[in-house]
Amino acid sequence: MDHAVATAYDEIAERWLDGRFSQSNGIRQHAQALRFLEDGAGGWALNAGCGCNTRFNGLLRDRGLRIEGVDISKRMVDLASDADPAALLHHADVCEWQPQRSYRFISAWDSIWHVKLEQQRALMLKLMHALDTGGVFLFTAGGLDAADCHVDSTMGPEVYYSTLGIPGLLAVIEEAGCICRHLEFDQLPHKHLFIIVQRISASLSASLSASGADRKSTS
């Protein structure tokens, strides 16, 4: 990840804690994603690019999940730790950081789109491979028709954004042995896309891959 992102978010971290930021942002989407989890307590949730706002933590704990987070901004991690000392937090670049366990739920809400375009596929594969079977991954992306990247200064500092595009996102989801459960443009006319992904069993994944290969060979 571009470490200029860390500098930018260190500078503007408090924005997510004041009245300018809606505390309901992403709540509906997380509640919807969590409904795909099978019943049963226990396990871990990972917040990739956790930021400083801990508004999702209550939803995760209501499902019996222990919370782990990683963020490239030290200021964000410090504020999040102050707000929720029980969460296990890491100040690290998510592209370089390696999970030490598997997860029932992973969230990457408005975060991994700051990863360099050439790093996106590898990061997404790493996160989806860290899911338990039946585990759920919720993430946001730019809902474009093709891969693209740009720099934007809407929040003040210049910040990098990238997306694999919808076809590329769906391809990497299948490559990871997962299935797309939900895809929605939730902020139209903005191209803000959220996707709910679930890790399926290895045997079902192999069966789906074989079916896809058969369709291609007969087309």
C-alpha atoms as a PDB file:
ATOM      1  CA  MET A   1       0.000   0.000   0.000  1.00  0.00           C
ATOM      2  CA  ASP A   2       1.141   3.565  -0.644  1.00  0.00           C
ATOM      3  CA  HIS A   3       2.403   4.854   2.727  1.00  0.00           C
ATOM      4  CA  ALA A   4       1.143   8.315   1.782  1.00  0.00           C
ATOM      5  CA  VAL A   5      -2.238   6.832   2.724  1.00  0.00           C
ATOM      6  CA  ALA A   6      -0.970   6.372   6.293  1.00  0.00           C
ATOM      7  CA  THR A   7       0.149   9.987   6.465  1.00  0.00           C
ATOM      8  CA  ALA A   8      -3.177  11.217   5.102  1.00  0.00           C
ATOM      9  CA  TYR A   9      -5.261   9.221   7.568  1.00  0.00           C
ATOM     10  CA  ASP A  10      -3.041  10.179  10.503  1.00  0.00           C
ATOM     11  CA  GLU A  11      -3.875  13.768   9.596  1.00  0.00           C
ATOM     12  CA  ILE A  12      -7.647  13.383   9.322  1.00  0.00           C
ATOM     13  CA  ALA A  13      -8.350  10.519  11.772  1.00  0.00           C
ATOM     14  CA  GLU A  14     -10.570  12.553  14.120  1.00  0.00           C
ATOM     15  CA  ARG A  15     -12.998  13.224  11.260  1.00  0.00           C
ATOM     16  CA  TRP A  16     -14.534   9.762  11.849  1.00  0.00           C
ATOM     17  CA  LEU A  17     -15.278  10.637  15.477  1.00  0.00           C
ATOM     18  CA  ASP A  18     -16.953  14.014  15.109  1.00  0.00           C
ATOM     19  CA  GLY A  19     -20.420  15.053  14.001  1.00  0.00           C
ATOM     20  CA  ARG A  20     -19.501  15.183  10.321  1.00  0.00           C
ATOM     21  CA  PHE A  21     -19.441  11.390  10.038  1.00  0.00           C
ATOM     22  CA  SER A  22     -22.623   9.317  10.129  1.00  0.00           C
ATOM     23  CA  GLN A  23     -22.417   6.584  12.765  1.00  0.00           C
ATOM     24  CA  SER A  24     -24.887   4.542  10.711  1.00  0.00           C
ATOM     25  CA  ASN A  25     -22.503   4.336   7.737  1.00  0.00           C
ATOM     26  CA  GLY A  26     -22.121   0.664   6.794  1.00  0.00           C
ATOM     27  CA  ILE A  27     -24.254  -0.670   9.657  1.00  0.00           C
ATOM     28  CA  ARG A  28     -27.064  -2.015   7.436  1.00  0.00           C
ATOM     29  CA  GLN A  29     -24.563  -3.665   5.130  1.00  0.00           C
ATOM     30  CA  HIS A  30     -22.695  -5.360   7.977  1.00  0.00           C
ATOM     31  CA  ALA A  31     -25.943  -6.605   9.514  1.00  0.00           C
ATOM     32  CA  GLN A  32     -26.937  -8.012   6.139  1.00  0.00           C
ATOM     33  CA  ALA A  33     -23.581  -9.758   5.662  1.00  0.00           C
ATOM     34  CA  LEU A  34     -23.643 -11.257   9.150  1.00  0.00           C
ATOM     35  CA  ARG A  35     -26.970 -12.935   8.375  1.00  0.00           C
ATOM     36  CA  PHE A  36     -25.109 -15.238   5.974  1.00  0.00           C
ATOM     37  CA  LEU A  37     -23.114 -16.711   8.867  1.00  0.00           C
ATOM     38  CA  GLU A  38     -24.315 -20.038  10.188  1.00  0.00           C
ATOM     39  CA  ASP A  39     -25.606 -20.081  13.746  1.00  0.00           C
ATOM     40  CA  GLY A  40     -23.057 -20.773  16.427  1.00  0.00           C
ATOM     41  CA  ALA A  41     -20.926 -18.673  18.696  1.00  0.00           C
ATOM     42  CA  GLY A  42     -17.177 -18.288  18.688  1.00  0.00           C
ATOM     43  CA  GLY A  43     -14.527 -17.510  16.156  1.00  0.00           C
ATOM     44  CA  TRP A  44     -12.838 -14.355  15.031  1.00  0.00           C
ATOM     45  CA  ALA A  45     -13.728 -11.335  12.931  1.00  0.00           C
ATOM     46  CA  LEU A  46     -11.077  -9.313  11.110  1.00  0.00           C
ATOM     47  CA  ASN A  47     -11.511  -5.650  10.235  1.00  0.00           C
ATOM     48  CA  ALA A  48      -9.027  -4.941   7.432  1.00  0.00           C
ATOM     49  CA  GLY A  49      -8.408  -1.206   7.441  1.00  0.00           C
ATOM     50  CA  CYS A  50     -10.231  -0.876  10.736  1.00  0.00           C
ATOM     51  CA  GLY A  51      -9.829   2.874  11.127  1.00  0.00           C
ATOM     52  CA  CYS A  52     -10.608   4.528  14.455  1.00  0.00           C
ATOM     53  CA  ASN A  53     -14.384   4.196  14.504  1.00  0.00           C
ATOM     54  CA  THR A  54     -15.548   1.087  16.361  1.00  0.00           C
ATOM     55  CA  ARG A  55     -19.222   1.253  15.343  1.00  0.00           C
ATOM     56  CA  PHE A  56     -19.251  -2.284  13.864  1.00  0.00           C
ATOM     57  CA  ASN A  57     -17.834  -3.954  16.981  1.00  0.00           C
ATOM     58  CA  GLY A  58     -21.167  -4.369  18.752  1.00  0.00           C
ATOM     59  CA  LEU A  59     -22.670  -6.176  15.758  1.00  0.00           C
ATOM     60  CA  LEU A  60     -19.701  -8.542  15.637  1.00  0.00           C
ATOM     61  CA  ARG A  61     -19.771  -9.312  19.364  1.00  0.00           C
ATOM     62  CA  ASP A  62     -23.509  -9.959  19.190  1.00  0.00           C
ATOM     63  CA  ARG A  63     -22.569 -12.901  16.942  1.00  0.00           C
ATOM     64  CA  GLY A  64     -20.043 -14.148  19.473  1.00  0.00           C
ATOM     65  CA  LEU A  65     -17.058 -13.001  17.447  1.00  0.00           C
ATOM     66  CA  ARG A  66     -13.745 -11.842  18.867  1.00  0.00           C
ATOM     67  CA  ILE A  67     -12.397  -8.772  17.062  1.00  0.00           C
ATOM     68  CA  GLU A  68      -9.064  -8.238  15.365  1.00  0.00           C
ATOM     69  CA  GLY A  69      -8.140  -5.219  13.276  1.00  0.00           C
ATOM     70  CA  VAL A  70      -5.286  -3.941  11.153  1.00  0.00           C
ATOM     71  CA  ASP A  71      -4.675  -0.438   9.825  1.00  0.00           C
ATOM     72  CA  ILE A  72      -1.751   1.387   8.223  1.00  0.00           C
ATOM     73  CA  SER A  73      -2.496   4.615  10.154  1.00  0.00           C
ATOM     74  CA  LYS A  74      -0.966   4.658  13.639  1.00  0.00           C
ATOM     75  CA  ARG A  75      -3.284   7.456  14.718  1.00  0.00           C
ATOM     76  CA  MET A  76      -6.309   5.434  13.635  1.00  0.00           C
ATOM     77  CA  VAL A  77      -5.096   2.373  15.565  1.00  0.00           C
ATOM     78  CA  ASP A  78      -4.356   4.420  18.701  1.00  0.00           C
ATOM     79  CA  LEU A  79      -7.844   5.957  18.684  1.00  0.00           C
ATOM     80  CA  ALA A  80      -9.512   2.589  18.045  1.00  0.00           C
ATOM     81  CA  SER A  81      -7.545   1.000  20.887  1.00  0.00           C
ATOM     82  CA  ASP A  82      -8.614   3.763  23.257  1.00  0.00           C
ATOM     83  CA  ALA A  83     -12.254   3.266  22.229  1.00  0.00           C
ATOM     84  CA  ASP A  84     -12.215  -0.538  22.495  1.00  0.00           C
ATOM     85  CA  PRO A  85      -9.275  -1.955  24.466  1.00  0.00           C
ATOM     86  CA  ALA A  86     -10.640  -5.509  24.131  1.00  0.00           C
ATOM     87  CA  ALA A  87     -10.029  -5.573  20.370  1.00  0.00           C
ATOM     88  CA  LEU A  88      -6.727  -6.998  19.119  1.00  0.00           C
ATOM     89  CA  LEU A  89      -5.291  -4.308  16.850  1.00  0.00           C
ATOM     90  CA  HIS A  90      -2.219  -4.155  14.619  1.00  0.00           C
ATOM     91  CA  HIS A  91      -0.507  -1.099  13.175  1.00  0.00           C
ATOM     92  CA  ALA A  92       0.623  -2.549   9.847  1.00  0.00           C
ATOM     93  CA  ASP A  93       0.277  -2.449   6.079  1.00  0.00           C
ATOM     94  CA  VAL A  94      -2.425  -5.008   5.333  1.00  0.00           C
ATOM     95  CA  CYS A  95      -0.593  -5.984   2.141  1.00  0.00           C
ATOM     96  CA  GLU A  96       2.459  -7.073   4.151  1.00  0.00           C
ATOM     97  CA  TRP A  97       0.688  -8.267   7.309  1.00  0.00           C
ATOM     98  CA  GLN A  98      -0.024 -12.001   7.530  1.00  0.00           C
ATOM     99  CA  PRO A  99      -3.052 -13.439   9.341  1.00  0.00           C
ATOM    100  CA  GLN A 100      -2.166 -15.738  12.218  1.00  0.00           C
ATOM    101  CA  ARG A 101      -5.569 -17.453  12.297  1.00  0.00           C
ATOM    102  CA  SER A 102      -8.676 -18.019  10.205  1.00  0.00           C
ATOM    103  CA  TYR A 103     -11.833 -15.909  10.467  1.00  0.00           C
ATOM    104  CA  ARG A 104     -15.567 -16.437  10.373  1.00  0.00           C
ATOM    105  CA  PHE A 105     -16.060 -12.838   9.218  1.00  0.00           C
ATOM    106  CA  ILE A 106     -13.842 -10.286   7.483  1.00  0.00           C
ATOM    107  CA  SER A 107     -14.778  -6.677   6.800  1.00  0.00           C
ATOM    108  CA  ALA A 108     -12.921  -4.292   4.521  1.00  0.00           C
ATOM    109  CA  TRP A 109     -15.260  -1.315   4.552  1.00  0.00           C
ATOM    110  CA  ASP A 110     -14.002   1.639   2.475  1.00  0.00           C
ATOM    111  CA  SER A 111     -10.405   0.561   3.042  1.00  0.00           C
ATOM    112  CA  ILE A 112      -8.728  -1.802   0.601  1.00  0.00           C
ATOM    113  CA  TRP A 113      -9.611   0.441  -2.341  1.00  0.00           C
ATOM    114  CA  HIS A 114      -6.545   2.439  -1.242  1.00  0.00           C
ATOM    115  CA  VAL A 115      -4.296  -0.511  -2.148  1.00  0.00           C
ATOM    116  CA  LYS A 116      -2.259  -0.170  -5.332  1.00  0.00           C
ATOM    117  CA  LEU A 117      -4.028  -1.684  -8.326  1.00  0.00           C
ATOM    118  CA  GLU A 118      -1.224  -4.168  -8.910  1.00  0.00           C
ATOM    119  CA  GLN A 119      -1.574  -5.377  -5.286  1.00  0.00           C
ATOM    120  CA  GLN A 120      -5.352  -5.704  -5.218  1.00  0.00           C
ATOM    121  CA  ARG A 121      -5.682  -9.275  -6.487  1.00  0.00           C
ATOM    122  CA  ALA A 122      -3.038 -10.702  -4.130  1.00  0.00           C
ATOM    123  CA  LEU A 123      -4.548  -8.937  -1.113  1.00  0.00           C
ATOM    124  CA  MET A 124      -8.071 -10.091  -1.867  1.00  0.00           C
ATOM    125  CA  LEU A 125      -6.901 -13.673  -2.342  1.00  0.00           C
ATOM    126  CA  LYS A 126      -5.046 -13.512   0.995  1.00  0.00           C
ATOM    127  CA  LEU A 127      -8.111 -12.249   2.830  1.00  0.00           C
ATOM    128  CA  MET A 128     -10.522 -14.742   1.272  1.00  0.00           C
ATOM    129  CA  HIS A 129      -8.124 -17.624   1.866  1.00  0.00           C
ATOM    130  CA  ALA A 130      -8.141 -16.622   5.550  1.00  0.00           C
ATOM    131  CA  LEU A 131     -11.877 -17.334   5.818  1.00  0.00           C
ATOM    132  CA  ASP A 132     -13.199 -20.412   7.539  1.00  0.00           C
ATOM    133  CA  THR A 133     -15.447 -22.583   5.378  1.00  0.00           C
ATOM    134  CA  GLY A 134     -18.775 -20.775   5.488  1.00  0.00           C
ATOM    135  CA  GLY A 135     -17.004 -17.575   6.499  1.00  0.00           C
ATOM    136  CA  VAL A 136     -18.184 -14.243   5.106  1.00  0.00           C
ATOM    137  CA  PHE A 137     -16.187 -11.382   3.576  1.00  0.00           C
ATOM    138  CA  LEU A 138     -17.766  -7.940   3.184  1.00  0.00           C
ATOM    139  CA  PHE A 139     -15.900  -5.299   1.221  1.00  0.00           C
ATOM    140  CA  THR A 140     -16.450  -2.125  -0.753  1.00  0.00           C
ATOM    141  CA  ALA A 141     -15.009  -1.189  -4.128  1.00  0.00           C
ATOM    142  CA  GLY A 142     -15.366   1.221  -6.992  1.00  0.00           C
ATOM    143  CA  GLY A 143     -18.158  -0.216  -9.120  1.00  0.00           C
ATOM    144  CA  LEU A 144     -16.593   0.318 -12.517  1.00  0.00           C
ATOM    145  CA  ASP A 145     -16.775  -1.850 -15.628  1.00  0.00           C
ATOM    146  CA  ALA A 146     -12.988  -2.249 -15.812  1.00  0.00           C
ATOM    147  CA  ALA A 147      -9.902  -1.892 -13.627  1.00  0.00           C
ATOM    148  CA  ASP A 148      -8.882   1.695 -12.911  1.00  0.00           C
ATOM    149  CA  CYS A 149      -7.090   3.927 -10.402  1.00  0.00           C
ATOM    150  CA  HIS A 150      -7.019   7.623  -9.557  1.00  0.00           C
ATOM    151  CA  VAL A 151      -6.021  10.150  -6.886  1.00  0.00           C
ATOM    152  CA  ASP A 152      -8.663  12.198  -5.075  1.00  0.00           C
ATOM    153  CA  SER A 153      -8.423  15.026  -2.521  1.00  0.00           C
ATOM    154  CA  THR A 154     -12.078  15.293  -1.479  1.00  0.00           C
ATOM    155  CA  MET A 155     -11.167  14.645   2.176  1.00  0.00           C
ATOM    156  CA  GLY A 156      -8.257  17.114   2.098  1.00  0.00           C
ATOM    157  CA  PRO A 157      -5.013  15.205   1.540  1.00  0.00           C
ATOM    158  CA  GLU A 158      -4.522  13.475  -1.794  1.00  0.00           C
ATOM    159  CA  VAL A 159      -5.400   9.789  -1.468  1.00  0.00           C
ATOM    160  CA  TYR A 160      -4.986   6.963  -3.969  1.00  0.00           C
ATOM    161  CA  TYR A 161      -7.903   4.728  -5.012  1.00  0.00           C
ATOM    162  CA  SER A 162      -8.083   1.666  -7.240  1.00  0.00           C
ATOM    163  CA  THR A 163     -10.535  -1.032  -8.295  1.00  0.00           C
ATOM    164  CA  LEU A 164     -10.307  -4.262 -10.258  1.00  0.00           C
ATOM    165  CA  GLY A 165     -13.678  -3.423 -11.812  1.00  0.00           C
ATOM    166  CA  ILE A 166     -16.745  -5.627 -11.415  1.00  0.00           C
ATOM    167  CA  PRO A 167     -15.592  -8.385 -13.829  1.00  0.00           C
ATOM    168  CA  GLY A 168     -12.170  -8.498 -12.144  1.00  0.00           C
ATOM    169  CA  LEU A 169     -13.699  -8.611  -8.667  1.00  0.00           C
ATOM    170  CA  LEU A 170     -15.993 -11.493  -9.569  1.00  0.00           C
ATOM    171  CA  ALA A 171     -13.088 -13.360 -11.181  1.00  0.00           C
ATOM    172  CA  VAL A 172     -10.869 -13.125  -8.080  1.00  0.00           C
ATOM    173  CA  ILE A 173     -13.790 -14.183  -5.851  1.00  0.00           C
ATOM    174  CA  GLU A 174     -14.179 -17.353  -7.921  1.00  0.00           C
ATOM    175  CA  GLU A 175     -10.412 -17.895  -7.979  1.00  0.00           C
ATOM    176  CA  ALA A 176     -10.379 -17.800  -4.169  1.00  0.00           C
ATOM    177  CA  GLY A 177     -12.948 -20.589  -3.931  1.00  0.00           C
ATOM    178  CA  CYS A 178     -15.678 -18.237  -2.781  1.00  0.00           C
ATOM    179  CA  ILE A 179     -19.068 -17.232  -4.111  1.00  0.00           C
ATOM    180  CA  CYS A 180     -20.682 -13.802  -4.415  1.00  0.00           C
ATOM    181  CA  ARG A 181     -23.803 -13.704  -2.249  1.00  0.00           C
ATOM    182  CA  HIS A 182     -24.746 -10.056  -2.792  1.00  0.00           C
ATOM    183  CA  LEU A 183     -23.587  -7.116  -4.915  1.00  0.00           C
ATOM    184  CA  GLU A 184     -25.178  -3.691  -4.540  1.00  0.00           C
ATOM    185  CA  PHE A 185     -24.653  -0.068  -5.536  1.00  0.00           C
ATOM    186  CA  ASP A 186     -25.735   1.470  -2.236  1.00  0.00           C
ATOM    187  CA  GLN A 187     -24.933   5.149  -2.824  1.00  0.00           C
ATOM    188  CA  LEU A 188     -26.161   5.893  -6.335  1.00  0.00           C
ATOM    189  CA  PRO A 189     -25.371   7.968  -8.353  1.00  0.00           C
ATOM    190  CA  HIS A 190     -21.943   7.349  -6.763  1.00  0.00           C
ATOM    191  CA  LYS A 191     -20.285   4.118  -7.922  1.00  0.00           C
ATOM    192  CA  HIS A 192     -19.933   2.863  -4.345  1.00  0.00           C
ATOM    193  CA  LEU A 193     -20.253  -0.911  -4.465  1.00  0.00           C
ATOM    194  CA  PHE A 194     -20.490  -3.333  -1.583  1.00  0.00           C
ATOM    195  CA  ILE A 195     -20.084  -7.059  -2.047  1.00  0.00           C
ATOM    196  CA  ILE A 196     -20.818  -9.947   0.293  1.00  0.00           C
ATOM    197  CA  VAL A 197     -18.736 -13.067  -0.348  1.00  0.00           C
ATOM    198  CA  GLN A 198     -18.861 -16.473   1.302  1.00  0.00           C
ATOM    199  CA  ARG A 199     -16.222 -19.192   1.360  1.00  0.00           C
ATOM    200  CA  ILE A 200     -17.638 -22.494   0.172  1.00  0.00           C
ATOM    201  CA  SER A 201     -16.342 -26.017   0.704  1.00  0.00           C
ATOM    202  CA  ALA A 202     -13.388 -27.149  -1.382  1.00  0.00           C
ATOM    203  CA  SER A 203     -15.468 -29.886  -3.046  1.00  0.00           C
ATOM    204  CA  LEU A 204     -18.211 -27.445  -4.071  1.00  0.00           C
ATOM    205  CA  SER A 205     -15.623 -24.953  -5.302  1.00  0.00           C
ATOM    206  CA  ALA A 206     -13.996 -27.655  -7.455  1.00  0.00           C
ATOM    207  CA  SER A 207     -17.400 -28.679  -8.813  1.00  0.00           C
ATOM    208  CA  LEU A 208     -18.273 -25.097  -9.745  1.00  0.00           C
ATOM    209  CA  SER A 209     -14.868 -24.597 -11.390  1.00  0.00           C
ATOM    210  CA  ALA A 210     -15.323 -27.787 -13.416  1.00  0.00           C
ATOM    211  CA  SER A 211     -18.790 -26.680 -14.490  1.00  0.00           C
ATOM    212  CA  GLY A 212     -17.387 -23.338 -15.595  1.00  0.00           C
ATOM    213  CA  ALA A 213     -14.657 -25.050 -17.603  1.00  0.00           C
ATOM    214  CA  ASP A 214     -17.226 -27.297 -19.270  1.00  0.00           C
ATOM    215  CA  ARG A 215     -19.339 -24.302 -20.261  1.00  0.00           C
ATOM    216  CA  LYS A 216     -16.309 -22.573 -21.794  1.00  0.00           C
ATOM    217  CA  SER A 217     -15.308 -25.692 -23.757  1.00  0.00           C
ATOM    218  CA  THR A 218     -18.759 -26.028 -25.265  1.00  0.00           C
ATOM    219  CA  SER A 219     -19.283 -22.343 -26.042  1.00  0.00           C
END
